[in-house]
Amino acid sequence: MAHSGMRVVNWTTFGETRDLIGSDFPRILGYYREDAAKYVVAVEQAYRIRDAVAMVRPAHTLKGDSLQFGGEALGALAERIEQSARNSVEMQAPPEKLDDEILQLRPLLIETLAHFEREISRSAAPVVATGPFRRPAVAAGFGRKQA
């Protein structure tokens, strides 16, 4: 998917947020995952019925939450949708010409979450101790005679 040269995830922001939140990061990211999906559905539904007012808040929240986690492309897309919806509200006109943006929203959320999940699973991989603190494996335990 093309994102106008923009990274899907800003890994610096992602890392800073992960470091700030600490061990609760996977849980908080889970809340983001659930909420972001709800916001996407709300934006899609509001656009379907051409309700600009109903598009503003979920697009705005999706933008902010995504950018806090480093979801750069998703945050920028949500911002374009939010601005267009706000303009429609000011002009008292239904939102128009957002078909491309609305169609990109769900796939971009899925792509962003996939990047997040890969990074979380990669960082959650067990660390194998090496060097002078590593204990050699001992052939003892069930079915083995201890020396």
N, C-alpha and C. Protein backbone atom coordinates (compact mmCIF):
# COMPACT_ATOMS: atom_id res chain seq x y z
N MET A 1 0.85 -1.18 0.00
CA MET A 1 0.00 0.00 0.00
C MET A 1 0.89 1.24 0.00
N ALA A 2 0.57 2.20 -0.83
CA ALA A 2 1.35 3.43 -0.92
C ALA A 2 0.89 4.41 0.16
N HIS A 3 1.85 5.05 0.79
CA HIS A 3 1.53 5.99 1.87
C HIS A 3 2.20 7.33 1.63
N SER A 4 2.31 7.73 0.38
CA SER A 4 2.90 9.02 0.03
C SER A 4 4.30 9.17 0.61
N GLY A 5 5.09 8.12 0.58
CA GLY A 5 6.46 8.18 1.08
C GLY A 5 6.56 8.18 2.59
N MET A 6 5.47 8.08 3.29
CA MET A 6 5.45 8.11 4.74
C MET A 6 5.65 6.70 5.30
N ARG A 7 6.38 6.61 6.37
CA ARG A 7 6.53 5.32 7.05
C ARG A 7 5.20 4.92 7.67
N VAL A 8 4.96 3.63 7.68
CA VAL A 8 3.76 3.15 8.36
C VAL A 8 3.92 3.37 9.85
N VAL A 9 5.10 3.02 10.38
CA VAL A 9 5.36 3.18 11.81
C VAL A 9 6.63 3.99 12.01
N ASN A 10 6.56 4.95 12.88
CA ASN A 10 7.73 5.69 13.32
C ASN A 10 8.26 4.92 14.53
N TRP A 11 9.33 4.15 14.30
CA TRP A 11 9.83 3.26 15.34
C TRP A 11 10.45 4.01 16.51
N THR A 12 10.91 5.21 16.28
CA THR A 12 11.43 6.01 17.40
C THR A 12 10.30 6.34 18.37
N THR A 13 9.19 6.81 17.84
CA THR A 13 8.03 7.11 18.68
C THR A 13 7.51 5.86 19.36
N PHE A 14 7.42 4.77 18.61
CA PHE A 14 6.96 3.50 19.17
C PHE A 14 7.84 3.10 20.36
N GLY A 15 9.15 3.16 20.19
CA GLY A 15 10.08 2.80 21.25
C GLY A 15 9.98 3.72 22.46
N GLU A 16 9.85 5.01 22.20
CA GLU A 16 9.73 5.96 23.31
C GLU A 16 8.45 5.70 24.12
N THR A 17 7.37 5.42 23.42
CA THR A 17 6.10 5.13 24.10
C THR A 17 6.21 3.83 24.88
N ARG A 18 6.82 2.82 24.27
CA ARG A 18 7.01 1.53 24.95
C ARG A 18 7.85 1.73 26.21
N ASP A 19 8.92 2.50 26.12
CA ASP A 19 9.79 2.74 27.27
C ASP A 19 9.05 3.52 28.36
N LEU A 20 8.23 4.48 27.95
CA LEU A 20 7.49 5.30 28.91
C LEU A 20 6.46 4.47 29.66
N ILE A 21 5.75 3.61 28.94
CA ILE A 21 4.69 2.81 29.55
C ILE A 21 5.26 1.63 30.33
N GLY A 22 6.35 1.07 29.85
CA GLY A 22 7.01 -0.03 30.57
C GLY A 22 6.31 -1.36 30.36
N SER A 23 6.24 -2.14 31.42
CA SER A 23 5.74 -3.51 31.33
C SER A 23 4.26 -3.59 30.98
N ASP A 24 3.53 -2.51 31.14
CA ASP A 24 2.11 -2.49 30.78
C ASP A 24 1.88 -2.23 29.29
N PHE A 25 2.96 -2.03 28.55
CA PHE A 25 2.83 -1.67 27.14
C PHE A 25 1.98 -2.65 26.32
N PRO A 26 2.21 -3.96 26.40
CA PRO A 26 1.37 -4.87 25.61
C PRO A 26 -0.12 -4.75 25.93
N ARG A 27 -0.44 -4.56 27.20
CA ARG A 27 -1.84 -4.41 27.60
C ARG A 27 -2.43 -3.12 27.04
N ILE A 28 -1.69 -2.02 27.16
CA ILE A 28 -2.16 -0.72 26.67
C ILE A 28 -2.29 -0.76 25.14
N LEU A 29 -1.35 -1.42 24.48
CA LEU A 29 -1.43 -1.56 23.03
C LEU A 29 -2.67 -2.37 22.65
N GLY A 30 -3.04 -3.32 23.48
CA GLY A 30 -4.27 -4.08 23.25
C GLY A 30 -5.50 -3.19 23.31
N TYR A 31 -5.51 -2.24 24.25
CA TYR A 31 -6.62 -1.29 24.32
C TYR A 31 -6.66 -0.45 23.04
N TYR A 32 -5.49 -0.01 22.59
CA TYR A 32 -5.42 0.77 21.35
C TYR A 32 -6.01 -0.05 20.20
N ARG A 33 -5.61 -1.31 20.10
CA ARG A 33 -6.07 -2.18 19.02
C ARG A 33 -7.60 -2.23 18.99
N GLU A 34 -8.21 -2.46 20.15
CA GLU A 34 -9.67 -2.54 20.24
C GLU A 34 -10.33 -1.21 19.92
N ASP A 35 -9.82 -0.14 20.51
CA ASP A 35 -10.42 1.18 20.31
C ASP A 35 -10.26 1.65 18.87
N ALA A 36 -9.09 1.44 18.29
CA ALA A 36 -8.84 1.88 16.92
C ALA A 36 -9.81 1.21 15.95
N ALA A 37 -10.06 -0.06 16.16
CA ALA A 37 -11.01 -0.78 15.30
C ALA A 37 -12.40 -0.15 15.42
N LYS A 38 -12.80 0.21 16.62
CA LYS A 38 -14.11 0.85 16.82
C LYS A 38 -14.17 2.21 16.13
N TYR A 39 -13.07 2.96 16.21
CA TYR A 39 -13.04 4.28 15.57
C TYR A 39 -13.12 4.17 14.05
N VAL A 40 -12.43 3.19 13.50
CA VAL A 40 -12.48 2.99 12.05
C VAL A 40 -13.91 2.67 11.62
N VAL A 41 -14.56 1.77 12.35
CA VAL A 41 -15.95 1.41 12.03
C VAL A 41 -16.84 2.65 12.15
N ALA A 42 -16.66 3.44 13.18
CA ALA A 42 -17.48 4.64 13.37
C ALA A 42 -17.29 5.64 12.23
N VAL A 43 -16.05 5.83 11.79
CA VAL A 43 -15.78 6.74 10.67
C VAL A 43 -16.43 6.21 9.40
N GLU A 44 -16.25 4.91 9.15
CA GLU A 44 -16.85 4.31 7.95
C GLU A 44 -18.37 4.46 7.95
N GLN A 45 -18.99 4.17 9.07
CA GLN A 45 -20.46 4.27 9.16
C GLN A 45 -20.93 5.71 8.98
N ALA A 46 -20.24 6.63 9.62
CA ALA A 46 -20.63 8.04 9.49
C ALA A 46 -20.47 8.52 8.05
N TYR A 47 -19.41 8.09 7.40
CA TYR A 47 -19.21 8.49 6.01
C TYR A 47 -20.29 7.88 5.11
N ARG A 48 -20.62 6.64 5.39
CA ARG A 48 -21.64 5.95 4.59
C ARG A 48 -22.97 6.72 4.59
N ILE A 49 -23.32 7.31 5.74
CA ILE A 49 -24.57 8.07 5.82
C ILE A 49 -24.33 9.58 5.64
N ARG A 50 -23.08 9.92 5.32
CA ARG A 50 -22.68 11.31 5.05
C ARG A 50 -22.93 12.24 6.23
N ASP A 51 -22.53 11.76 7.43
CA ASP A 51 -22.69 12.54 8.66
C ASP A 51 -21.31 13.04 9.09
N ALA A 52 -20.98 14.25 8.66
CA ALA A 52 -19.66 14.82 8.95
C ALA A 52 -19.44 15.01 10.46
N VAL A 53 -20.47 15.41 11.16
CA VAL A 53 -20.36 15.63 12.60
C VAL A 53 -19.94 14.34 13.29
N ALA A 54 -20.55 13.23 12.91
CA ALA A 54 -20.24 11.94 13.53
C ALA A 54 -18.87 11.40 13.13
N MET A 55 -18.25 11.97 12.11
CA MET A 55 -16.92 11.53 11.69
C MET A 55 -15.80 12.20 12.47
N VAL A 56 -16.04 13.40 12.95
CA VAL A 56 -14.97 14.21 13.53
C VAL A 56 -14.32 13.55 14.74
N ARG A 57 -15.10 13.20 15.75
CA ARG A 57 -14.53 12.69 17.00
C ARG A 57 -13.76 11.38 16.80
N PRO A 58 -14.32 10.35 16.15
CA PRO A 58 -13.54 9.12 16.01
C PRO A 58 -12.29 9.31 15.13
N ALA A 59 -12.37 10.15 14.11
CA ALA A 59 -11.19 10.41 13.29
C ALA A 59 -10.13 11.13 14.11
N HIS A 60 -10.56 12.10 14.90
CA HIS A 60 -9.63 12.86 15.75
C HIS A 60 -8.95 11.94 16.77
N THR A 61 -9.72 11.10 17.42
CA THR A 61 -9.17 10.20 18.44
C THR A 61 -8.25 9.16 17.81
N LEU A 62 -8.65 8.62 16.67
CA LEU A 62 -7.80 7.66 15.95
C LEU A 62 -6.47 8.30 15.57
N LYS A 63 -6.53 9.55 15.14
CA LYS A 63 -5.31 10.28 14.78
C LYS A 63 -4.38 10.39 15.99
N GLY A 64 -4.90 10.89 17.08
CA GLY A 64 -4.06 11.11 18.25
C GLY A 64 -3.50 9.82 18.83
N ASP A 65 -4.36 8.84 18.98
CA ASP A 65 -3.90 7.56 19.55
C ASP A 65 -2.87 6.89 18.65
N SER A 66 -3.10 6.93 17.35
CA SER A 66 -2.16 6.29 16.42
C SER A 66 -0.81 6.98 16.46
N LEU A 67 -0.81 8.28 16.47
CA LEU A 67 0.46 9.02 16.50
C LEU A 67 1.22 8.79 17.81
N GLN A 68 0.50 8.61 18.91
CA GLN A 68 1.18 8.35 20.19
C GLN A 68 1.94 7.04 20.16
N PHE A 69 1.44 6.06 19.41
CA PHE A 69 2.11 4.76 19.31
C PHE A 69 3.07 4.69 18.13
N GLY A 70 3.14 5.75 17.34
CA GLY A 70 4.04 5.76 16.20
C GLY A 70 3.37 5.36 14.90
N GLY A 71 2.06 5.22 14.90
CA GLY A 71 1.33 4.88 13.67
C GLY A 71 1.22 6.12 12.79
N GLU A 72 2.33 6.44 12.15
CA GLU A 72 2.47 7.70 11.41
C GLU A 72 1.52 7.80 10.21
N ALA A 73 1.50 6.79 9.37
CA ALA A 73 0.66 6.85 8.17
C ALA A 73 -0.83 6.85 8.55
N LEU A 74 -1.20 6.02 9.52
CA LEU A 74 -2.59 5.96 9.96
C LEU A 74 -3.01 7.27 10.61
N GLY A 75 -2.14 7.85 11.41
CA GLY A 75 -2.43 9.14 12.03
C GLY A 75 -2.63 10.23 11.00
N ALA A 76 -1.78 10.23 9.97
CA ALA A 76 -1.90 11.25 8.92
C ALA A 76 -3.19 11.06 8.11
N LEU A 77 -3.54 9.82 7.83
CA LEU A 77 -4.78 9.55 7.10
C LEU A 77 -5.99 9.97 7.93
N ALA A 78 -6.00 9.63 9.20
CA ALA A 78 -7.10 10.03 10.09
C ALA A 78 -7.19 11.55 10.19
N GLU A 79 -6.05 12.22 10.16
CA GLU A 79 -6.05 13.68 10.21
C GLU A 79 -6.68 14.28 8.95
N ARG A 80 -6.37 13.71 7.79
CA ARG A 80 -6.99 14.19 6.54
C ARG A 80 -8.51 14.02 6.59
N ILE A 81 -8.94 12.88 7.10
CA ILE A 81 -10.38 12.61 7.22
C ILE A 81 -11.01 13.59 8.21
N GLU A 82 -10.35 13.78 9.34
CA GLU A 82 -10.87 14.70 10.35
C GLU A 82 -11.00 16.12 9.79
N GLN A 83 -9.96 16.59 9.12
CA GLN A 83 -9.99 17.96 8.57
C GLN A 83 -11.09 18.12 7.53
N SER A 84 -11.24 17.12 6.69
CA SER A 84 -12.29 17.17 5.68
C SER A 84 -13.67 17.18 6.34
N ALA A 85 -13.83 16.36 7.37
CA ALA A 85 -15.11 16.33 8.08
C ALA A 85 -15.37 17.67 8.77
N ARG A 86 -14.35 18.25 9.39
CA ARG A 86 -14.53 19.56 10.04
C ARG A 86 -14.91 20.63 9.01
N ASN A 87 -14.26 20.58 7.85
CA ASN A 87 -14.61 21.54 6.79
C ASN A 87 -16.05 21.37 6.35
N SER A 88 -16.49 20.13 6.26
CA SER A 88 -17.88 19.86 5.88
C SER A 88 -18.85 20.39 6.93
N VAL A 89 -18.48 20.24 8.20
CA VAL A 89 -19.33 20.75 9.28
C VAL A 89 -19.42 22.27 9.17
N GLU A 90 -18.30 22.93 8.97
CA GLU A 90 -18.29 24.39 8.86
C GLU A 90 -19.11 24.87 7.68
N MET A 91 -19.04 24.13 6.58
CA MET A 91 -19.78 24.52 5.37
C MET A 91 -21.22 24.01 5.38
N GLN A 92 -21.56 23.25 6.43
CA GLN A 92 -22.88 22.65 6.57
C GLN A 92 -23.22 21.83 5.32
N ALA A 93 -22.24 21.01 4.92
CA ALA A 93 -22.40 20.15 3.75
C ALA A 93 -21.97 18.74 4.12
N PRO A 94 -22.54 17.75 3.46
CA PRO A 94 -22.12 16.37 3.75
C PRO A 94 -20.68 16.14 3.29
N PRO A 95 -19.98 15.25 3.95
CA PRO A 95 -18.60 14.97 3.54
C PRO A 95 -18.60 14.31 2.16
N GLU A 96 -17.75 14.80 1.31
CA GLU A 96 -17.63 14.26 -0.04
C GLU A 96 -16.16 14.05 -0.37
N LYS A 97 -15.94 13.29 -1.41
CA LYS A 97 -14.61 13.09 -1.97
C LYS A 97 -13.62 12.49 -0.98
N LEU A 98 -14.10 11.64 -0.08
CA LEU A 98 -13.23 10.94 0.85
C LEU A 98 -13.22 9.44 0.57
N ASP A 99 -13.78 9.04 -0.57
CA ASP A 99 -13.88 7.61 -0.86
C ASP A 99 -12.53 6.90 -0.75
N ASP A 100 -11.49 7.48 -1.36
CA ASP A 100 -10.17 6.85 -1.32
C ASP A 100 -9.64 6.74 0.11
N GLU A 101 -9.78 7.80 0.88
CA GLU A 101 -9.28 7.79 2.25
C GLU A 101 -10.03 6.77 3.11
N ILE A 102 -11.33 6.73 2.97
CA ILE A 102 -12.13 5.79 3.76
C ILE A 102 -11.78 4.36 3.38
N LEU A 103 -11.57 4.10 2.10
CA LEU A 103 -11.19 2.76 1.65
C LEU A 103 -9.81 2.34 2.14
N GLN A 104 -8.93 3.29 2.39
CA GLN A 104 -7.58 2.99 2.88
C GLN A 104 -7.54 2.78 4.39
N LEU A 105 -8.51 3.30 5.09
CA LEU A 105 -8.47 3.34 6.56
C LEU A 105 -8.35 1.95 7.19
N ARG A 106 -9.24 1.05 6.87
CA ARG A 106 -9.23 -0.29 7.49
C ARG A 106 -7.96 -1.07 7.13
N PRO A 107 -7.57 -1.15 5.84
CA PRO A 107 -6.33 -1.88 5.51
C PRO A 107 -5.09 -1.27 6.18
N LEU A 108 -5.07 0.06 6.30
CA LEU A 108 -3.92 0.69 6.94
C LEU A 108 -3.88 0.39 8.43
N LEU A 109 -5.03 0.33 9.07
CA LEU A 109 -5.07 -0.08 10.48
C LEU A 109 -4.54 -1.50 10.62
N ILE A 110 -4.99 -2.40 9.77
CA ILE A 110 -4.54 -3.79 9.83
C ILE A 110 -3.04 -3.87 9.62
N GLU A 111 -2.53 -3.13 8.65
CA GLU A 111 -1.09 -3.13 8.38
C GLU A 111 -0.30 -2.57 9.56
N THR A 112 -0.79 -1.48 10.13
CA THR A 112 -0.11 -0.86 11.28
C THR A 112 -0.08 -1.82 12.46
N LEU A 113 -1.20 -2.45 12.75
CA LEU A 113 -1.26 -3.40 13.87
C LEU A 113 -0.35 -4.60 13.62
N ALA A 114 -0.25 -5.03 12.38
CA ALA A 114 0.65 -6.15 12.06
C ALA A 114 2.10 -5.77 12.34
N HIS A 115 2.49 -4.55 11.98
CA HIS A 115 3.84 -4.07 12.30
C HIS A 115 4.05 -4.04 13.82
N PHE A 116 3.07 -3.53 14.55
CA PHE A 116 3.17 -3.48 16.01
C PHE A 116 3.32 -4.89 16.59
N GLU A 117 2.49 -5.80 16.14
CA GLU A 117 2.51 -7.18 16.66
C GLU A 117 3.85 -7.86 16.38
N ARG A 118 4.38 -7.67 15.18
CA ARG A 118 5.69 -8.26 14.87
C ARG A 118 6.76 -7.73 15.81
N GLU A 119 6.72 -6.45 16.07
CA GLU A 119 7.73 -5.85 16.96
C GLU A 119 7.56 -6.35 18.39
N ILE A 120 6.33 -6.45 18.86
CA ILE A 120 6.07 -6.94 20.22
C ILE A 120 6.54 -8.38 20.34
N SER A 121 6.20 -9.22 19.37
CA SER A 121 6.60 -10.63 19.46
C SER A 121 8.11 -10.78 19.34
N ARG A 122 8.74 -9.93 18.56
CA ARG A 122 10.20 -9.98 18.42
C ARG A 122 10.86 -9.57 19.73
N SER A 123 10.34 -8.54 20.38
CA SER A 123 10.95 -8.08 21.62
C SER A 123 10.60 -8.97 22.80
N ALA A 124 9.56 -9.80 22.66
CA ALA A 124 9.17 -10.70 23.74
C ALA A 124 9.86 -12.05 23.63
N ALA A 125 10.72 -12.22 22.62
CA ALA A 125 11.43 -13.49 22.46
C ALA A 125 12.31 -13.73 23.67
N PRO A 126 12.42 -14.97 24.11
CA PRO A 126 13.24 -15.25 25.29
C PRO A 126 14.70 -14.90 25.04
N VAL A 127 15.30 -14.35 26.04
CA VAL A 127 16.71 -13.98 25.97
C VAL A 127 17.54 -15.14 26.50
N VAL A 128 18.52 -15.55 25.72
CA VAL A 128 19.40 -16.63 26.14
C VAL A 128 20.64 -16.01 26.75
N ALA A 129 20.94 -16.38 27.98
CA ALA A 129 22.11 -15.84 28.66
C ALA A 129 23.37 -16.41 28.03
N THR A 130 24.34 -15.56 27.81
CA THR A 130 25.63 -15.99 27.28
C THR A 130 26.71 -15.37 28.14
N GLY A 131 27.91 -15.81 27.93
CA GLY A 131 29.03 -15.23 28.66
C GLY A 131 29.27 -15.92 29.98
N PRO A 132 29.96 -15.25 30.90
CA PRO A 132 30.38 -15.88 32.15
C PRO A 132 29.23 -16.23 33.10
N PHE A 133 28.02 -15.65 32.89
CA PHE A 133 26.92 -15.93 33.79
C PHE A 133 26.04 -17.08 33.33
N ARG A 134 26.37 -17.64 32.20
CA ARG A 134 25.58 -18.75 31.68
C ARG A 134 25.94 -20.01 32.42
N ARG A 135 24.92 -20.72 32.83
CA ARG A 135 25.14 -21.98 33.53
C ARG A 135 25.08 -23.11 32.51
N PRO A 136 25.99 -24.03 32.56
CA PRO A 136 25.96 -25.14 31.63
C PRO A 136 24.76 -26.03 31.92
N ALA A 137 24.22 -26.62 30.86
CA ALA A 137 23.10 -27.53 31.02
C ALA A 137 23.56 -28.76 31.78
N VAL A 138 22.74 -29.18 32.70
CA VAL A 138 23.08 -30.35 33.52
C VAL A 138 22.11 -31.46 33.14
N ALA A 139 22.66 -32.61 32.84
CA ALA A 139 21.82 -33.76 32.48
C ALA A 139 21.32 -34.41 33.75
N ALA A 140 20.35 -33.79 34.37
CA ALA A 140 19.77 -34.33 35.60
C ALA A 140 18.28 -34.10 35.55
N GLY A 141 17.57 -34.75 36.39
CA GLY A 141 16.14 -34.56 36.44
C GLY A 141 15.42 -35.85 36.17
N PHE A 142 14.24 -35.76 35.68
CA PHE A 142 13.38 -36.92 35.47
C PHE A 142 14.07 -37.96 34.59
N GLY A 143 14.12 -39.21 35.08
CA GLY A 143 14.67 -40.30 34.30
C GLY A 143 16.18 -40.35 34.26
N ARG A 144 16.84 -39.48 34.98
CA ARG A 144 18.31 -39.48 34.96
C ARG A 144 18.82 -39.64 36.38
N LYS A 145 19.85 -40.39 36.49
CA LYS A 145 20.47 -40.59 37.79
C LYS A 145 21.32 -39.38 38.11
N GLN A 146 21.14 -38.82 39.26
CA GLN A 146 21.91 -37.66 39.67
C GLN A 146 23.24 -38.11 40.22
N ALA A 147 24.29 -37.37 39.93
CA ALA A 147 25.63 -37.72 40.40
C ALA A 147 25.90 -37.18 41.76
